[in-house]
Amino acid sequence: MLVLSRKPGQSILIGDNIEIQIIEVQGDQIRIGISAPRDISIVRKELIDEVRQTNREAVVDNSRISLEFLGKVLKK
């Protein structure tokens, strides 16, 4: 992992077409601006993590339901 220090107004370039600019620093929060081509998806990591966790829980819940259903069918 590359760790950089930046001040408001300074930027970081990723490749030729992605720029991350530090907009503002207030206490423990940093506002950033990201310029990238429209075909580059930009999503907050915590949202992706939440969706993944929800999907994992849904798979586990569906597995339990399927096993319960299978058990009932086999008893008949």
C-alpha atoms as a PDB file:
ATOM      1  CA  MET A   1       0.000   0.000   0.000  1.00  0.00           C
ATOM      2  CA  LEU A   2       1.286   3.422  -0.922  1.00  0.00           C
ATOM      3  CA  VAL A   3       0.722   6.000   1.828  1.00  0.00           C
ATOM      4  CA  LEU A   4       0.902   9.691   0.907  1.00  0.00           C
ATOM      5  CA  SER A   5       0.382  12.936   2.776  1.00  0.00           C
ATOM      6  CA  ARG A   6      -1.611  15.559   0.902  1.00  0.00           C
ATOM      7  CA  LYS A   7      -2.962  19.012   1.719  1.00  0.00           C
ATOM      8  CA  PRO A   8      -6.225  20.580   0.542  1.00  0.00           C
ATOM      9  CA  GLY A   9      -5.947  21.457  -3.140  1.00  0.00           C
ATOM     10  CA  GLN A  10      -3.336  18.786  -3.821  1.00  0.00           C
ATOM     11  CA  SER A  11      -4.047  15.735  -5.972  1.00  0.00           C
ATOM     12  CA  ILE A  12      -3.002  12.160  -6.603  1.00  0.00           C
ATOM     13  CA  LEU A  13      -3.003  10.718 -10.118  1.00  0.00           C
ATOM     14  CA  ILE A  14      -3.752   7.052 -10.802  1.00  0.00           C
ATOM     15  CA  GLY A  15      -2.734   6.116 -14.304  1.00  0.00           C
ATOM     16  CA  ASP A  16      -3.396   8.728 -16.969  1.00  0.00           C
ATOM     17  CA  ASN A  17      -7.063   9.374 -16.326  1.00  0.00           C
ATOM     18  CA  ILE A  18      -7.951   9.157 -12.625  1.00  0.00           C
ATOM     19  CA  GLU A  19      -7.350  12.107 -10.309  1.00  0.00           C
ATOM     20  CA  ILE A  20      -8.115  12.183  -6.592  1.00  0.00           C
ATOM     21  CA  GLN A  21      -8.103  15.702  -5.168  1.00  0.00           C
ATOM     22  CA  ILE A  22      -8.155  16.629  -1.491  1.00  0.00           C
ATOM     23  CA  ILE A  23     -10.963  19.173  -1.190  1.00  0.00           C
ATOM     24  CA  GLU A  24     -11.150  19.838   2.541  1.00  0.00           C
ATOM     25  CA  VAL A  25      -9.904  18.517   5.883  1.00  0.00           C
ATOM     26  CA  GLN A  26     -12.037  19.049   8.995  1.00  0.00           C
ATOM     27  CA  GLY A  27     -11.029  17.200  12.142  1.00  0.00           C
ATOM     28  CA  ASP A  28     -11.074  13.483  11.369  1.00  0.00           C
ATOM     29  CA  GLN A  29     -12.940  13.854   8.072  1.00  0.00           C
ATOM     30  CA  ILE A  30     -11.495  14.445   4.626  1.00  0.00           C
ATOM     31  CA  ARG A  31     -13.537  15.491   1.599  1.00  0.00           C
ATOM     32  CA  ILE A  32     -12.130  14.208  -1.668  1.00  0.00           C
ATOM     33  CA  GLY A  33     -13.051  14.710  -5.287  1.00  0.00           C
ATOM     34  CA  ILE A  34     -12.525  11.965  -7.844  1.00  0.00           C
ATOM     35  CA  SER A  35     -12.268  12.589 -11.580  1.00  0.00           C
ATOM     36  CA  ALA A  36     -12.406   9.412 -13.648  1.00  0.00           C
ATOM     37  CA  PRO A  37     -13.867   8.180 -16.925  1.00  0.00           C
ATOM     38  CA  ARG A  38     -17.555   7.274 -16.756  1.00  0.00           C
ATOM     39  CA  ASP A  39     -16.813   3.596 -17.348  1.00  0.00           C
ATOM     40  CA  ILE A  40     -14.846   3.414 -14.063  1.00  0.00           C
ATOM     41  CA  SER A  41     -17.076   2.402 -11.158  1.00  0.00           C
ATOM     42  CA  ILE A  42     -16.505   4.414  -7.970  1.00  0.00           C
ATOM     43  CA  VAL A  43     -18.233   3.031  -4.874  1.00  0.00           C
ATOM     44  CA  ARG A  44     -17.645   3.480  -1.147  1.00  0.00           C
ATOM     45  CA  LYS A  45     -16.025   0.296   0.192  1.00  0.00           C
ATOM     46  CA  GLU A  46     -18.315   0.057   3.218  1.00  0.00           C
ATOM     47  CA  LEU A  47     -21.322  -0.202   0.877  1.00  0.00           C
ATOM     48  CA  ILE A  48     -19.724  -3.070  -1.032  1.00  0.00           C
ATOM     49  CA  ASP A  49     -18.859  -4.779   2.271  1.00  0.00           C
ATOM     50  CA  GLU A  50     -22.463  -4.389   3.460  1.00  0.00           C
ATOM     51  CA  VAL A  51     -23.871  -5.881   0.243  1.00  0.00           C
ATOM     52  CA  ARG A  52     -21.449  -8.807   0.456  1.00  0.00           C
ATOM     53  CA  GLN A  53     -22.427  -9.493   4.066  1.00  0.00           C
ATOM     54  CA  THR A  54     -26.120  -9.321   3.206  1.00  0.00           C
ATOM     55  CA  ASN A  55     -25.552 -11.752   0.335  1.00  0.00           C
ATOM     56  CA  ARG A  56     -23.678 -14.158   2.629  1.00  0.00           C
ATOM     57  CA  GLU A  57     -26.509 -14.032   5.162  1.00  0.00           C
ATOM     58  CA  ALA A  58     -29.089 -14.642   2.431  1.00  0.00           C
ATOM     59  CA  VAL A  59     -27.203 -17.707   1.216  1.00  0.00           C
ATOM     60  CA  VAL A  60     -27.003 -19.107   4.756  1.00  0.00           C
ATOM     61  CA  ASP A  61     -30.704 -18.408   5.390  1.00  0.00           C
ATOM     62  CA  ASN A  62     -31.705 -20.003   2.076  1.00  0.00           C
ATOM     63  CA  SER A  63     -29.541 -23.040   2.819  1.00  0.00           C
ATOM     64  CA  ARG A  64     -31.298 -23.545   6.139  1.00  0.00           C
ATOM     65  CA  ILE A  65     -34.702 -23.236   4.530  1.00  0.00           C
ATOM     66  CA  SER A  66     -33.725 -25.675   1.797  1.00  0.00           C
ATOM     67  CA  LEU A  67     -32.394 -28.200   4.315  1.00  0.00           C
ATOM     68  CA  GLU A  68     -35.522 -27.909   6.446  1.00  0.00           C
ATOM     69  CA  PHE A  69     -37.709 -28.379   3.379  1.00  0.00           C
ATOM     70  CA  LEU A  70     -35.636 -31.342   2.210  1.00  0.00           C
ATOM     71  CA  GLY A  71     -35.926 -32.944   5.660  1.00  0.00           C
ATOM     72  CA  LYS A  72     -39.730 -32.621   5.578  1.00  0.00           C
ATOM     73  CA  VAL A  73     -39.935 -34.041   2.061  1.00  0.00           C
ATOM     74  CA  LEU A  74     -37.743 -37.020   2.956  1.00  0.00           C
ATOM     75  CA  LYS A  75     -39.909 -37.839   6.011  1.00  0.00           C
ATOM     76  CA  LYS A  76     -42.966 -38.140   3.767  1.00  0.00           C
END
